[in-house]
Protein backbone atom coordinates (compact mmCIF):
# COMPACT_ATOMS: atom_id res chain seq x y z
CA UNK A 1 -4.13 -25.97 -24.39
CA UNK A 2 -7.92 -24.67 -25.53
CA UNK A 3 -6.39 -22.23 -27.33
CA UNK A 4 -2.55 -22.57 -28.33
CA UNK A 5 -2.24 -19.72 -31.27
CA UNK A 6 -0.19 -21.68 -33.81
CA UNK A 7 -0.13 -24.80 -35.96
CA UNK A 8 0.24 -28.30 -35.08
CA UNK A 9 0.10 -31.96 -36.19
CA UNK A 10 -1.20 -33.65 -33.53
CA UNK A 11 -1.85 -33.37 -30.02
CA UNK A 12 -1.62 -36.03 -27.18
CA UNK A 13 -2.72 -35.80 -23.51
CA UNK A 14 0.71 -35.77 -21.48
CA UNK A 15 2.17 -35.68 -17.83
CA UNK A 16 5.29 -34.01 -16.65
CA UNK A 17 6.66 -34.85 -13.25
CA UNK A 18 8.62 -32.34 -11.57
CA UNK A 19 6.29 -29.17 -12.08
CA UNK A 20 2.50 -28.75 -11.26
CA UNK A 21 -0.31 -26.31 -12.71
CA UNK A 22 -0.85 -23.28 -10.46
CA UNK A 23 -2.41 -19.65 -10.19
CA UNK A 24 0.84 -18.27 -9.48
CA UNK A 25 1.67 -15.39 -12.51
CA UNK A 26 0.88 -11.85 -11.69
CA UNK A 27 -0.31 -11.03 -15.60
CA UNK A 28 0.83 -7.63 -17.07
CA UNK A 29 -0.13 -8.14 -20.15
CA UNK A 30 -2.14 -11.08 -21.70
CA UNK A 31 -4.71 -11.43 -18.79
CA UNK A 32 -3.70 -8.04 -16.88
CA UNK A 33 -2.15 -4.59 -16.74
CA UNK A 34 0.79 -2.93 -14.62
CA UNK A 35 -1.32 -0.97 -12.46
CA UNK A 36 -4.47 -4.00 -12.24
CA UNK A 37 -2.09 -7.69 -12.45
CA UNK A 38 -4.31 -10.61 -13.48
CA UNK A 39 -3.48 -14.00 -12.17
CA UNK A 40 -2.81 -16.75 -15.13
CA UNK A 41 -1.34 -20.79 -14.94
CA UNK A 42 2.38 -21.11 -14.89
CA UNK A 43 4.22 -24.26 -13.95
CA UNK A 44 4.88 -24.01 -10.48
CA UNK A 45 7.52 -26.52 -8.88
CA UNK A 46 6.39 -29.69 -7.11
CA UNK A 47 4.35 -32.40 -8.23
CA UNK A 48 3.13 -33.36 -11.48
CA UNK A 49 0.93 -31.81 -14.36
CA UNK A 50 -0.91 -34.21 -17.22
CA UNK A 51 -1.91 -31.41 -19.79
CA UNK A 52 -1.49 -31.63 -23.68
CA UNK A 53 1.56 -31.47 -25.59
CA UNK A 54 1.45 -30.46 -28.90
CA UNK A 55 3.97 -32.01 -32.03
CA UNK A 56 4.55 -29.15 -33.99
CA UNK A 57 6.04 -30.10 -38.34
CA UNK A 58 9.47 -30.24 -38.42
CA UNK A 59 9.06 -27.02 -41.16
CA UNK A 60 6.94 -24.88 -38.54
CA UNK A 61 9.29 -25.67 -35.82
CA UNK A 62 11.60 -22.57 -35.74
CA UNK A 63 8.82 -20.19 -36.32
CA UNK A 64 6.45 -22.00 -33.70
CA UNK A 65 9.08 -21.32 -31.02
CA UNK A 66 9.44 -17.77 -32.12
CA UNK A 67 5.88 -17.34 -31.42
CA UNK A 68 6.08 -19.15 -28.43
CA UNK A 69 8.89 -17.00 -27.06
CA UNK A 70 7.21 -13.76 -28.52
CA UNK A 71 4.13 -14.30 -25.94
CA UNK A 72 5.62 -16.56 -23.69
CA UNK A 73 8.49 -15.01 -22.63
CA UNK A 74 7.05 -11.07 -23.39
CA UNK A 75 7.94 -9.82 -19.83
CA UNK A 76 10.64 -12.15 -18.49
CA UNK A 77 8.63 -14.50 -16.14
CA UNK A 78 8.41 -18.01 -17.53
CA UNK A 79 12.18 -20.02 -17.48
CA UNK A 80 11.88 -21.45 -21.16
CA UNK A 81 12.87 -25.31 -20.60
CA UNK A 82 12.76 -28.75 -22.49
CA UNK A 83 11.31 -31.54 -20.04
CA UNK A 84 11.04 -35.24 -20.38
CA UNK A 85 6.93 -35.70 -21.03
CA UNK A 86 4.76 -39.63 -21.40
CA UNK A 87 2.28 -38.99 -23.41
CA UNK A 88 -0.67 -41.13 -23.11
CA UNK A 89 -0.14 -43.55 -25.48
CA UNK A 90 3.26 -43.85 -23.23
CA UNK A 91 6.20 -42.49 -25.54
CA UNK A 92 8.08 -40.50 -23.78
CA UNK A 93 9.22 -37.43 -25.24
CA UNK A 94 10.80 -34.68 -24.96
CA UNK A 95 8.78 -31.30 -24.75
CA UNK A 96 9.43 -27.37 -24.46
CA UNK A 97 7.78 -25.79 -21.22
CA UNK A 98 7.81 -22.15 -20.13
CA UNK A 99 8.26 -22.40 -15.80
CA UNK A 100 7.58 -20.18 -13.63
CA UNK A 101 10.23 -18.17 -12.40
CA UNK A 102 10.01 -17.63 -8.72
CA UNK A 103 12.81 -14.96 -8.62
CA UNK A 104 10.25 -12.84 -11.00
CA UNK A 105 7.91 -10.14 -9.24
CA UNK A 106 5.39 -11.30 -11.21
CA UNK A 107 5.67 -14.72 -9.66
CA UNK A 108 2.40 -14.91 -7.25
CA UNK A 109 2.99 -17.77 -5.17
CA UNK A 110 0.27 -19.83 -3.44
CA UNK A 111 -2.91 -17.32 -3.02
CA UNK A 112 -6.02 -18.33 -1.40
CA UNK A 113 -8.89 -18.85 -3.44
CA UNK A 114 -10.79 -15.65 -2.61
CA UNK A 115 -7.42 -13.44 -3.83
CA UNK A 116 -7.43 -14.93 -6.14
CA UNK A 117 -11.15 -15.10 -7.01
CA UNK A 118 -10.94 -11.27 -6.60
CA UNK A 119 -7.73 -10.20 -8.58
CA UNK A 120 -9.55 -12.76 -11.07
CA UNK A 121 -12.53 -10.78 -11.60
CA UNK A 122 -11.58 -7.67 -12.63
CA UNK A 123 -8.83 -7.79 -14.28
CA UNK A 124 -8.48 -7.34 -18.32
CA UNK A 125 -5.58 -7.59 -20.18
CA UNK A 126 -4.33 -7.51 -24.12
CA UNK A 127 -6.31 -11.16 -24.90
CA UNK A 128 -8.96 -10.76 -22.74
CA UNK A 129 -10.84 -10.71 -19.33
CA UNK A 130 -9.01 -12.95 -16.87
CA UNK A 131 -12.54 -14.59 -16.06
CA UNK A 132 -12.96 -15.86 -19.53
CA UNK A 133 -9.11 -17.20 -19.25
CA UNK A 134 -10.30 -19.34 -16.14
CA UNK A 135 -13.51 -20.84 -17.26
CA UNK A 136 -11.90 -21.54 -20.67
CA UNK A 137 -9.15 -23.53 -19.23
CA UNK A 138 -11.45 -25.80 -16.55
CA UNK A 139 -13.55 -26.60 -19.40
CA UNK A 140 -10.53 -27.86 -21.56
CA UNK A 141 -9.76 -29.93 -18.55
CA UNK A 142 -13.06 -31.09 -18.09
CA UNK A 143 -13.25 -32.43 -22.02
CA UNK A 144 -10.10 -33.97 -20.50
CA UNK A 145 -11.22 -36.04 -17.85
CA UNK A 146 -9.26 -33.86 -15.51
CA UNK A 147 -10.35 -32.72 -12.64
CA UNK A 148 -8.21 -29.53 -10.69
CA UNK A 149 -10.02 -28.83 -7.55
CA UNK A 150 -7.74 -26.10 -7.04
CA UNK A 151 -9.00 -24.19 -10.45
CA UNK A 152 -12.38 -25.64 -9.48
CA UNK A 153 -12.33 -23.75 -6.42
CA UNK A 154 -10.81 -20.87 -8.36
CA UNK A 155 -13.49 -20.70 -11.03
CA UNK A 156 -16.64 -21.44 -8.53
CA UNK A 157 -15.77 -18.45 -6.36
CA UNK A 158 -15.84 -16.06 -9.09
CA UNK A 159 -19.79 -17.61 -10.40
């Protein structure tokens, strides 16, 4: 949400049912290493998620999807899916999403706040340190007026 990594025409707050945002993925590349995995967010089964939907120009669609596949599918911990979402203005559109693969060895499941904070506090990968990832994500959610109590408790535990 705070660092999409691609050009977009517009963005909107959006809601998706059936998946929720969760710190449920061991990161071996972007926010940790295989030797010391970090934790990143994934869309996990159940509930709902409010976040950001990005609209990409038609002529950038394929290159953007290629970029996302290279970034998100580097270890195949996510499943690429097209899902119905509802934009802030009420329109329903189909969006490309990446859902956590609960069968993958990097799927962390539900970890308690203390375990998450301990893992996150020292992890660093090719995209930076794990603490910054959580702080930036939470800051973006707050700018959007979204409360995420789980992320808030994790970031508080990191302090």
